[in-house]
Protein backbone atom coordinates (compact mmCIF):
# COMPACT_ATOMS: atom_id res chain seq x y z
CA UNK A 1 35.07 153.75 101.54
CA UNK A 2 32.04 151.45 100.54
CA UNK A 3 32.66 147.79 98.91
CA UNK A 4 33.26 148.12 95.08
CA UNK A 5 33.06 145.28 93.25
CA UNK A 6 35.53 144.50 90.67
CA UNK A 7 33.39 143.47 87.48
CA UNK A 8 35.89 143.36 84.83
CA UNK A 9 38.98 141.48 85.95
CA UNK A 10 41.84 139.69 84.40
CA UNK A 11 39.46 136.71 83.89
CA UNK A 12 36.58 138.68 82.12
CA UNK A 13 39.20 139.89 79.52
CA UNK A 14 40.97 136.59 79.18
CA UNK A 15 37.46 135.18 78.05
CA UNK A 16 36.09 138.02 76.35
CA UNK A 17 35.51 137.51 72.65
CA UNK A 18 34.83 139.97 69.72
CA UNK A 19 31.57 140.00 67.50
CA UNK A 20 32.21 139.46 63.98
CA UNK A 21 33.63 141.89 61.78
CA UNK A 22 30.29 143.01 59.61
CA UNK A 23 28.39 143.09 62.63
CA UNK A 24 30.80 145.46 64.46
CA UNK A 25 30.46 147.50 61.59
CA UNK A 26 26.93 147.20 61.59
CA UNK A 27 26.69 145.66 58.06
CA UNK A 28 25.10 142.03 58.94
CA UNK A 29 22.42 141.15 61.17
CA UNK A 30 23.71 137.34 62.15
CA UNK A 31 19.92 136.64 63.71
CA UNK A 32 18.58 137.13 60.48
CA UNK A 33 21.16 135.19 58.54
CA UNK A 34 21.14 132.42 60.63
CA UNK A 35 17.57 131.81 59.86
CA UNK A 36 17.89 132.38 56.11
CA UNK A 37 20.92 130.39 55.58
CA UNK A 38 20.40 127.18 57.88
CA UNK A 39 18.41 124.38 55.98
CA UNK A 40 17.21 121.09 57.48
CA UNK A 41 19.11 118.06 57.97
CA UNK A 42 16.67 116.06 55.95
CA UNK A 43 17.45 118.59 52.78
CA UNK A 44 20.98 118.41 53.26
CA UNK A 45 23.45 120.23 50.32
CA UNK A 46 19.90 121.41 49.19
CA UNK A 47 20.69 125.15 48.48
CA UNK A 48 17.94 127.60 50.45
CA UNK A 49 17.85 130.42 47.62
CA UNK A 50 17.47 134.32 49.17
CA UNK A 51 15.85 137.21 47.09
CA UNK A 52 18.62 139.63 48.40
CA UNK A 53 17.24 143.04 48.01
CA UNK A 54 19.80 146.17 48.83
CA UNK A 55 18.69 149.98 48.07
CA UNK A 56 20.66 152.91 47.54
CA UNK A 57 19.84 156.69 46.84
CA UNK A 58 20.42 156.25 43.26
CA UNK A 59 19.98 152.43 42.54
CA UNK A 60 18.25 149.01 43.60
CA UNK A 61 20.22 146.06 43.81
CA UNK A 62 18.54 142.13 43.64
CA UNK A 63 20.54 139.40 43.90
CA UNK A 64 19.40 135.55 44.19
CA UNK A 65 21.93 133.97 46.12
CA UNK A 66 22.60 131.05 48.35
CA UNK A 67 25.31 129.92 51.20
CA UNK A 68 28.34 127.94 51.48
CA UNK A 69 31.10 127.73 53.50
CA UNK A 70 33.50 129.70 51.00
CA UNK A 71 30.72 132.54 50.85
CA UNK A 72 27.35 133.47 49.10
CA UNK A 73 27.10 132.11 45.69
CA UNK A 74 25.34 134.30 43.52
CA UNK A 75 23.15 132.49 40.97
CA UNK A 76 21.73 135.69 39.18
CA UNK A 77 21.55 139.62 39.63
CA UNK A 78 19.63 142.30 38.48
CA UNK A 79 19.77 145.91 39.05
CA UNK A 80 17.77 149.22 38.45
CA UNK A 81 20.59 151.04 36.24
CA UNK A 82 19.66 148.30 33.53
CA UNK A 83 16.02 149.44 33.63
CA UNK A 84 16.97 152.20 30.68
CA UNK A 85 17.46 149.63 28.41
CA UNK A 86 13.90 148.78 28.95
CA UNK A 87 12.62 152.14 28.57
CA UNK A 88 12.71 153.46 32.24
CA UNK A 89 15.04 156.42 32.12
CA UNK A 90 14.91 158.35 35.19
CA UNK A 91 13.21 157.53 38.22
CA UNK A 92 15.19 154.53 39.15
CA UNK A 93 14.99 154.17 42.47
CA UNK A 94 11.59 154.73 43.37
CA UNK A 95 8.77 152.05 44.06
CA UNK A 96 7.91 151.68 40.43
CA UNK A 97 11.36 150.86 39.59
CA UNK A 98 11.80 148.41 42.36
CA UNK A 99 8.81 146.37 41.04
CA UNK A 100 10.06 146.25 37.74
CA UNK A 101 13.68 145.10 39.20
CA UNK A 102 11.98 142.21 40.78
CA UNK A 103 10.15 141.41 37.93
CA UNK A 104 13.34 141.19 35.92
CA UNK A 105 15.25 139.00 38.13
CA UNK A 106 12.31 136.75 38.36
CA UNK A 107 12.38 136.36 34.76
CA UNK A 108 16.00 136.20 34.40
CA UNK A 109 16.39 133.52 37.07
CA UNK A 110 13.71 131.74 35.57
CA UNK A 111 14.97 131.66 32.10
CA UNK A 112 18.53 130.71 33.17
CA UNK A 113 16.80 127.74 34.72
CA UNK A 114 14.15 126.57 31.84
CA UNK A 115 11.22 127.07 33.82
CA UNK A 116 10.33 130.45 32.44
CA UNK A 117 8.07 128.76 29.72
CA UNK A 118 6.14 127.12 32.91
CA UNK A 119 5.67 129.86 34.87
CA UNK A 120 4.70 133.26 33.21
CA UNK A 121 3.26 134.72 36.83
CA UNK A 122 0.70 137.81 36.08
CA UNK A 123 -0.35 138.25 32.86
CA UNK A 124 -1.87 141.30 33.75
CA UNK A 125 -1.01 143.58 36.86
CA UNK A 126 -3.82 144.14 39.00
CA UNK A 127 -2.29 144.57 42.64
CA UNK A 128 -3.76 141.69 44.03
CA UNK A 129 -2.62 139.21 46.19
CA UNK A 130 -0.78 136.30 44.05
CA UNK A 131 0.94 133.15 44.80
CA UNK A 132 2.53 130.71 42.17
CA UNK A 133 0.80 127.01 42.59
CA UNK A 134 2.94 124.18 41.05
CA UNK A 135 1.58 122.66 37.47
CA UNK A 136 1.20 119.06 37.13
CA UNK A 137 4.21 117.44 35.16
CA UNK A 138 6.37 120.44 35.11
CA UNK A 139 8.90 121.18 37.54
CA UNK A 140 8.35 122.89 40.80
CA UNK A 141 8.29 126.50 41.12
CA UNK A 142 11.57 128.02 42.34
CA UNK A 143 11.44 129.09 45.67
CA UNK A 144 13.43 131.31 47.73
CA UNK A 145 13.29 133.84 50.95
CA UNK A 146 13.15 137.94 50.95
CA UNK A 147 16.81 138.96 52.23
CA UNK A 148 15.73 142.44 53.33
CA UNK A 149 19.32 143.38 55.30
CA UNK A 150 18.95 146.08 57.74
CA UNK A 151 16.59 147.95 55.63
CA UNK A 152 13.25 149.08 58.01
CA UNK A 153 10.27 146.96 56.77
CA UNK A 154 7.47 149.30 57.04
CA UNK A 155 3.99 149.73 55.22
CA UNK A 156 5.04 150.28 51.47
CA UNK A 157 8.96 150.21 51.58
CA UNK A 158 10.56 149.53 48.18
CA UNK A 159 12.13 146.14 49.30
CA UNK A 160 8.70 145.15 48.58
CA UNK A 161 7.93 146.21 45.46
CA UNK A 162 11.12 144.18 44.46
CA UNK A 163 8.95 141.33 46.47
CA UNK A 164 5.97 142.30 44.55
CA UNK A 165 7.62 142.31 41.17
CA UNK A 166 9.49 138.95 41.67
CA UNK A 167 6.46 137.19 42.68
CA UNK A 168 4.17 138.66 39.61
CA UNK A 169 7.01 137.36 37.47
CA UNK A 170 6.60 133.70 38.42
CA UNK A 171 8.83 133.38 41.97
CA UNK A 172 7.66 131.33 44.47
CA UNK A 173 8.14 133.70 47.83
CA UNK A 174 6.35 133.45 51.06
CA UNK A 175 4.51 136.70 51.95
CA UNK A 176 1.38 138.07 52.95
CA UNK A 177 -0.02 141.29 51.62
CA UNK A 178 0.26 143.24 55.26
CA UNK A 179 3.39 145.40 54.02
CA UNK A 180 2.26 146.35 50.73
CA UNK A 181 0.86 149.95 49.89
CA UNK A 182 -2.78 150.13 50.53
CA UNK A 183 -3.04 147.82 53.73
CA UNK A 184 -4.46 149.54 56.67
CA UNK A 185 -3.19 148.13 59.64
CA UNK A 186 -6.31 149.58 61.74
CA UNK A 187 -9.11 147.92 59.66
CA UNK A 188 -6.89 144.72 58.48
CA UNK A 189 -8.05 145.70 54.83
CA UNK A 190 -5.92 145.39 51.77
CA UNK A 191 -6.65 147.80 49.05
CA UNK A 192 -4.85 146.27 45.76
CA UNK A 193 -6.13 149.45 43.80
CA UNK A 194 -3.39 151.67 45.61
CA UNK A 195 -1.12 148.98 45.22
CA UNK A 196 -1.12 149.18 41.54
CA UNK A 197 -1.32 152.76 41.13
CA UNK A 198 2.24 152.50 42.96
CA UNK A 199 3.53 149.94 40.90
CA UNK A 200 2.30 152.17 37.57
CA UNK A 201 3.83 155.09 39.24
CA UNK A 202 0.65 157.09 39.87
CA UNK A 203 1.84 158.35 43.29
CA UNK A 204 4.55 160.14 41.34
CA UNK A 205 2.04 161.18 38.82
CA UNK A 206 -0.21 162.56 41.22
CA UNK A 207 2.66 164.61 43.07
CA UNK A 208 3.59 165.86 39.80
CA UNK A 209 0.28 167.68 38.63
CA UNK A 210 -0.19 168.89 42.40
CA UNK A 211 3.52 170.54 42.20
CA UNK A 212 3.06 171.95 38.84
CA UNK A 213 0.03 173.73 39.85
CA UNK A 214 1.31 174.99 43.07
CA UNK A 215 4.58 176.19 42.13
CA UNK A 216 5.95 175.81 38.63
CA UNK A 217 9.66 176.15 39.98
CA UNK A 218 9.51 173.56 42.29
CA UNK A 219 8.12 171.55 39.92
CA UNK A 220 10.81 172.25 37.10
CA UNK A 221 13.50 171.65 39.93
CA UNK A 222 12.06 168.20 41.37
CA UNK A 223 11.47 166.76 37.95
CA UNK A 224 13.86 168.38 35.57
CA UNK A 225 14.86 164.92 34.52
CA UNK A 226 11.59 164.07 33.62
CA UNK A 227 11.09 167.51 31.75
CA UNK A 228 14.52 166.53 29.86
CA UNK A 229 13.30 163.24 28.89
CA UNK A 230 9.70 164.71 27.67
CA UNK A 231 7.80 162.71 30.13
CA UNK A 232 4.70 163.84 31.65
CA UNK A 233 2.40 162.71 34.47
CA UNK A 234 -0.07 161.22 31.95
CA UNK A 235 2.36 158.96 30.14
CA UNK A 236 4.20 157.20 33.35
CA UNK A 237 1.69 154.32 33.26
CA UNK A 238 2.20 153.80 29.72
CA UNK A 239 5.93 153.87 29.85
CA UNK A 240 5.77 150.91 32.61
CA UNK A 241 3.62 148.84 31.20
CA UNK A 242 6.04 149.12 27.88
CA UNK A 243 8.65 148.35 30.56
CA UNK A 244 7.05 145.09 31.85
CA UNK A 245 6.53 143.69 28.37
CA UNK A 246 9.83 144.65 27.36
CA UNK A 247 11.70 142.95 30.29
CA UNK A 248 9.19 139.71 29.58
CA UNK A 249 10.38 139.30 25.85
CA UNK A 250 14.07 139.67 26.79
CA UNK A 251 15.24 139.57 30.49
CA UNK A 252 18.73 138.42 29.65
CA UNK A 253 21.66 140.67 30.51
CA UNK A 254 23.26 142.58 28.21
CA UNK A 255 27.03 143.79 28.72
CA UNK A 256 27.96 147.43 28.24
CA UNK A 257 30.38 147.95 25.60
CA UNK A 258 33.40 148.95 26.59
CA UNK A 259 34.52 152.59 26.06
CA UNK A 260 37.20 153.67 24.39
CA UNK A 261 39.11 155.88 26.52
CA UNK A 262 42.91 156.93 26.22
CA UNK A 263 44.50 157.70 30.02
CA UNK A 264 46.11 161.06 30.35
CA UNK A 265 49.39 160.93 32.03
CA UNK A 266 50.48 163.22 34.08
CA UNK A 267 53.90 162.14 34.82
CA UNK A 268 56.75 160.69 32.99
CA UNK A 269 56.21 156.95 31.91
CA UNK A 270 58.36 154.31 33.68
CA UNK A 271 61.70 153.28 31.52
CA UNK A 272 62.90 150.15 30.61
CA UNK A 273 66.25 149.18 31.42
CA UNK A 274 67.79 149.53 28.04
CA UNK A 275 65.91 153.22 27.76
CA UNK A 276 67.67 154.52 30.94
CA UNK A 277 71.38 152.97 29.68
CA UNK A 278 70.65 155.02 26.63
CA UNK A 279 70.04 157.82 28.47
CA UNK A 280 73.01 158.04 30.42
CA UNK A 281 75.13 157.13 27.23
CA UNK A 282 73.66 160.15 25.56
CA UNK A 283 74.32 162.39 28.73
CA UNK A 284 78.24 161.33 28.57
CA UNK A 285 78.25 161.61 25.33
CA UNK A 286 76.57 165.37 25.48
CA UNK A 287 79.29 166.14 28.43
CA UNK A 288 82.20 165.36 26.52
CA UNK A 289 81.34 167.40 23.56
CA UNK A 290 80.63 170.37 25.35
CA UNK A 291 84.20 169.47 27.05
CA UNK A 292 85.17 169.46 23.27
CA UNK A 293 83.99 172.89 22.38
CA UNK A 294 85.54 174.40 25.65
CA UNK A 295 88.92 173.05 24.79
CA UNK A 296 88.51 174.59 20.86
CA UNK A 297 87.58 177.87 22.25
CA UNK A 298 90.69 178.13 24.05
């Protein structure tokens, strides 16, 4: 028998250290988090803010957070399910909704910090590259860094729609146009008109027209909620323009009123001690009455 090298011996297992739990669960990229959280020594105790973006099948979550020893602290948050308050009732997980959510978190943070009057962002959305510049005699712009988590950073991804909305809303976020819709990796050219079309839902409108002409049944299935709201392909741009204006007018969070729900029980509610003793007393009295009735019959 040939020589067999023992690799995992007792010394190996004594020195083995498991990875962090969120790494084992595949939830956190600690290599990226370390670089997003670590602050320069000469900026001791200065928060390093992150624009945290997470997408689900039905919602988009945006948070401005910074790290402490106890855990992350959320400065402000915005969600795509808040957009119906601003006129966007369907399509809450597409690129246009991502832009609106980014715009909402930007205006909400600046309003909370008292910077909304100084930094308005972009007045007219054109899709062009924009970076916030510091204003003389005013506080500096709010600077944060994009945190996409484990999402694939492909060209045209929704996380970059949130980024564009936040930048146009007045946040200072380091970025380039290489991952925006309209950027061609071969020619190294950026077409802002393509990006503007995605911001105003024109890619959805084009697909709506194409599907309606080719297969009307499929169109009714795919865009049933659009049809229910009475939305057509020609209305999308005006709807998103109205949403942008409404967000800038009032970005504050509006709590949802609590629903008056009466819970329905399927089992008996728990009795107190006094109720239990009274129930025993009633049973005793019933037994005594039954015995007394039997004696009278005899």
